[in-house]
Amino acid sequence: MKLPASLLCAAAAVALSFSAHAQSAKPDLAKGAAVFGQVCVACHAADGNSTTPANPKLAHQHPEYLIKQLHEFKSGKRDNAVMKGMVAALSEDDMRNIAFWLADQKPTTGAATDKDLVRTGERIYRGGIPDRQIAACAGCHGPRGSGIPAQYPRLSGQHAEYTSTQLNAFRAGTRGNNAQMLGVAAKMNDMEIKAVSDYIAGLR
């Protein structure tokens, strides 16, 4: 059964109107702060600058990246039992409000701690390992770890333990929500992962 052209046009107009509204709707930072304080603060600290090395710093992260991760925790595409439970009750607006509130928070700096590995970490981050076709981290995450909005996360100052855990998860295939990172981490050994994670902690 064919729908009349006028009906199709009307439906298309409604869809376009809804899409435009969704894109133009401003996040509510006050609501974001409130929901973050209820759901996220215990692990990620009051301003998103986690002081626990196993939990990531989220302050000043690109909001689009955070929204994507929250969706993927909720759907199970990014498998983490704790986070899946945390995001289960979050609405689309909650995710958006939290992400944009976090993006507005001032990040704290970190520091590399392993002086014996820092040169190796810098070499991998800035130049990759060409003979093993391991791409430079800076190509996607920027020379200072600022990332590329909506595509690649900000890394500078991130806890080395958290970064190392994620690289190991990509290498093992237990985190599978980014094909590029699966390919990169699969070729890295333990020392290289440790070195680049430590170097990233000191980026600013």
Protein backbone atom coordinates (compact mmCIF):
# COMPACT_ATOMS: atom_id res chain seq x y z
CA MET A 1 0.00 0.00 0.00
CA LYS A 2 1.41 3.38 -1.05
CA LEU A 3 1.05 6.36 1.23
CA PRO A 4 -0.04 9.65 -0.38
CA ALA A 5 2.85 11.95 -1.21
CA SER A 6 1.41 14.64 1.06
CA LEU A 7 1.45 12.22 4.01
CA LEU A 8 5.04 11.19 3.30
CA CYS A 9 6.09 14.83 3.08
CA ALA A 10 4.37 15.60 6.36
CA ALA A 11 6.09 12.65 8.06
CA ALA A 12 9.45 13.76 6.69
CA ALA A 13 8.86 17.29 7.92
CA VAL A 14 8.05 16.03 11.42
CA ALA A 15 11.21 13.87 11.43
CA LEU A 16 13.36 16.78 10.29
CA SER A 17 11.78 19.06 12.87
CA PHE A 18 12.45 16.53 15.64
CA SER A 19 16.05 16.06 14.47
CA ALA A 20 16.65 19.80 14.39
CA HIS A 21 15.19 20.17 17.87
CA ALA A 22 17.40 17.36 19.22
CA GLN A 23 20.50 18.97 17.77
CA SER A 24 19.65 22.49 18.95
CA ALA A 25 18.49 21.52 22.44
CA LYS A 26 20.92 22.89 25.00
CA PRO A 27 22.16 20.58 27.75
CA ASP A 28 21.09 21.43 31.28
CA LEU A 29 24.37 21.64 33.18
CA ALA A 30 22.67 22.02 36.56
CA LYS A 31 20.75 18.80 36.00
CA GLY A 32 23.94 17.16 34.75
CA ALA A 33 25.73 18.13 37.96
CA ALA A 34 22.85 16.86 40.08
CA VAL A 35 22.62 13.46 38.37
CA PHE A 36 26.40 13.11 38.36
CA GLY A 37 26.37 13.77 42.11
CA GLN A 38 23.79 11.03 42.61
CA VAL A 39 25.19 8.37 40.30
CA CYS A 40 28.85 8.97 39.41
CA VAL A 41 30.57 10.88 42.19
CA ALA A 42 31.63 7.89 44.30
CA CYS A 43 33.97 6.60 41.59
CA HIS A 44 34.83 9.72 39.58
CA ALA A 45 35.04 12.42 42.32
CA ALA A 46 32.96 15.56 42.73
CA ASP A 47 34.48 17.39 39.75
CA GLY A 48 35.15 14.39 37.51
CA ASN A 49 38.84 14.24 38.44
CA SER A 50 38.99 10.75 39.89
CA THR A 51 41.72 10.25 42.46
CA THR A 52 41.49 6.46 42.20
CA PRO A 53 43.94 5.18 39.55
CA ALA A 54 41.59 2.41 38.43
CA ASN A 55 38.79 4.90 37.65
CA PRO A 56 39.19 7.34 34.77
CA LYS A 57 39.35 11.10 35.03
CA LEU A 58 36.38 12.43 33.08
CA ALA A 59 36.70 16.19 33.58
CA HIS A 60 37.04 18.17 30.34
CA GLN A 61 36.46 15.07 28.20
CA HIS A 62 34.72 15.57 24.85
CA PRO A 63 30.97 15.31 25.54
CA GLU A 64 30.22 13.42 22.33
CA TYR A 65 32.74 10.75 23.31
CA LEU A 66 31.25 10.45 26.80
CA ILE A 67 27.72 10.12 25.41
CA LYS A 68 28.89 7.37 23.05
CA GLN A 69 30.53 5.45 25.90
CA LEU A 70 27.46 5.77 28.12
CA HIS A 71 25.26 4.43 25.33
CA GLU A 72 27.62 1.52 24.78
CA PHE A 73 27.79 0.67 28.48
CA LYS A 74 24.00 0.66 28.53
CA SER A 75 23.67 -1.52 25.43
CA GLY A 76 26.47 -3.87 26.48
CA LYS A 77 28.61 -3.07 23.45
CA ARG A 78 31.22 -1.93 25.97
CA ASP A 79 31.09 -4.68 28.56
CA ASN A 80 31.45 -3.49 32.14
CA ALA A 81 29.09 -4.85 34.79
CA VAL A 82 29.56 -1.91 37.17
CA MET A 83 28.99 0.75 34.52
CA LYS A 84 26.07 -1.11 32.99
CA GLY A 85 24.36 -0.98 36.36
CA MET A 86 25.18 2.70 36.82
CA VAL A 87 23.78 3.82 33.46
CA ALA A 88 20.74 1.52 33.38
CA ALA A 89 18.36 4.19 34.67
CA LEU A 90 19.91 7.15 32.81
CA SER A 91 17.78 8.77 30.12
CA GLU A 92 19.10 10.29 26.91
CA ASP A 93 18.82 13.73 28.50
CA ASP A 94 20.66 12.54 31.63
CA MET A 95 23.57 11.27 29.53
CA ARG A 96 23.75 14.48 27.53
CA ASN A 97 23.52 16.70 30.60
CA ILE A 98 26.20 14.75 32.49
CA ALA A 99 28.55 14.68 29.49
CA PHE A 100 28.35 18.41 28.85
CA TRP A 101 28.69 19.21 32.55
CA LEU A 102 31.84 17.07 32.72
CA ALA A 103 33.23 18.76 29.61
CA ASP A 104 32.90 22.06 31.46
CA GLN A 105 34.98 20.91 34.44
CA LYS A 106 38.63 21.89 34.80
CA PRO A 107 40.97 18.88 34.49
CA THR A 108 43.78 18.11 36.89
CA THR A 109 47.24 17.32 35.57
CA GLY A 110 49.13 14.08 36.07
CA ALA A 111 52.76 12.99 35.83
CA ALA A 112 54.82 10.19 34.38
CA THR A 113 56.50 8.22 37.15
CA ASP A 114 58.70 5.63 35.43
CA LYS A 115 61.81 7.47 34.25
CA ASP A 116 63.23 4.31 32.69
CA LEU A 117 60.25 3.95 30.37
CA VAL A 118 59.32 7.55 29.62
CA ARG A 119 61.49 7.78 26.48
CA THR A 120 59.96 4.58 25.11
CA GLY A 121 56.49 5.87 25.90
CA GLU A 122 57.19 9.18 24.16
CA ARG A 123 58.59 7.40 21.10
CA ILE A 124 55.50 5.21 20.76
CA TYR A 125 53.07 8.04 21.44
CA ARG A 126 54.66 10.42 18.96
CA GLY A 127 55.98 8.09 16.29
CA GLY A 128 54.39 4.69 16.78
CA ILE A 129 56.40 1.57 15.94
CA PRO A 130 56.65 1.65 12.13
CA ASP A 131 58.30 -1.74 11.64
CA ARG A 132 55.32 -3.41 13.37
CA GLN A 133 52.74 -1.10 11.84
CA ILE A 134 51.73 0.38 15.19
CA ALA A 135 50.32 3.84 14.59
CA ALA A 136 51.41 6.87 16.61
CA CYS A 137 48.92 7.72 19.35
CA ALA A 138 49.40 11.41 18.55
CA GLY A 139 47.88 10.89 15.12
CA CYS A 140 44.41 10.53 16.67
CA HIS A 141 44.81 11.90 20.18
CA GLY A 142 46.98 14.93 19.37
CA PRO A 143 50.55 15.77 20.40
CA ARG A 144 49.39 16.91 23.84
CA GLY A 145 46.68 14.29 24.28
CA SER A 146 43.80 16.70 23.65
CA GLY A 147 42.02 14.28 21.31
CA ILE A 148 39.67 15.15 18.47
CA PRO A 149 36.13 16.12 19.50
CA ALA A 150 33.44 13.52 18.75
CA GLN A 151 35.97 11.00 17.50
CA TYR A 152 38.97 10.45 19.75
CA PRO A 153 39.04 11.03 23.52
CA ARG A 154 41.20 13.41 25.45
CA LEU A 155 44.01 11.43 27.13
CA SER A 156 46.29 13.99 28.78
CA GLY A 157 46.72 13.48 32.51
CA GLN A 158 44.77 10.22 32.55
CA HIS A 159 45.73 7.70 35.22
CA ALA A 160 48.38 5.33 33.86
CA GLU A 161 46.70 2.37 35.54
CA TYR A 162 43.39 3.09 33.83
CA THR A 163 44.99 3.61 30.40
CA SER A 164 47.01 0.42 30.77
CA THR A 165 43.89 -1.53 31.77
CA GLN A 166 42.02 -0.30 28.69
CA LEU A 167 44.90 -1.10 26.32
CA ASN A 168 45.14 -4.59 27.80
CA ALA A 169 41.37 -5.01 27.41
CA PHE A 170 41.57 -3.97 23.75
CA ARG A 171 44.49 -6.37 23.24
CA ALA A 172 42.58 -9.25 24.84
CA GLY A 173 39.40 -8.38 22.96
CA THR A 174 37.40 -7.96 26.17
CA ARG A 175 36.81 -4.32 25.18
CA GLY A 176 35.66 -4.38 21.59
CA ASN A 177 33.94 -1.07 20.96
CA ASN A 178 36.68 0.50 18.85
CA ALA A 179 38.13 -1.35 15.85
CA GLN A 180 41.14 0.96 15.51
CA MET A 181 42.20 0.46 19.11
CA LEU A 182 41.74 -3.30 18.84
CA GLY A 183 44.18 -3.29 15.93
CA VAL A 184 46.74 -1.08 17.65
CA ALA A 185 46.70 -2.79 21.06
CA ALA A 186 46.86 -6.27 19.53
CA LYS A 187 50.42 -5.56 18.37
CA MET A 188 51.73 -4.07 21.63
CA ASN A 189 53.61 -5.96 24.34
CA ASP A 190 53.34 -5.44 28.11
CA MET A 191 56.32 -3.10 28.32
CA GLU A 192 55.06 -0.90 25.48
CA ILE A 193 51.60 -0.63 27.01
CA LYS A 194 53.10 0.30 30.38
CA ALA A 195 55.46 2.84 28.82
CA VAL A 196 52.89 4.67 26.72
CA SER A 197 50.33 4.67 29.56
CA ASP A 198 52.85 6.27 31.89
CA TYR A 199 53.83 8.84 29.28
CA ILE A 200 50.17 9.78 28.68
CA ALA A 201 49.72 10.46 32.41
CA GLY A 202 52.26 13.27 32.16
CA LEU A 203 50.89 14.90 28.99
CA ARG A 204 49.52 18.41 29.37
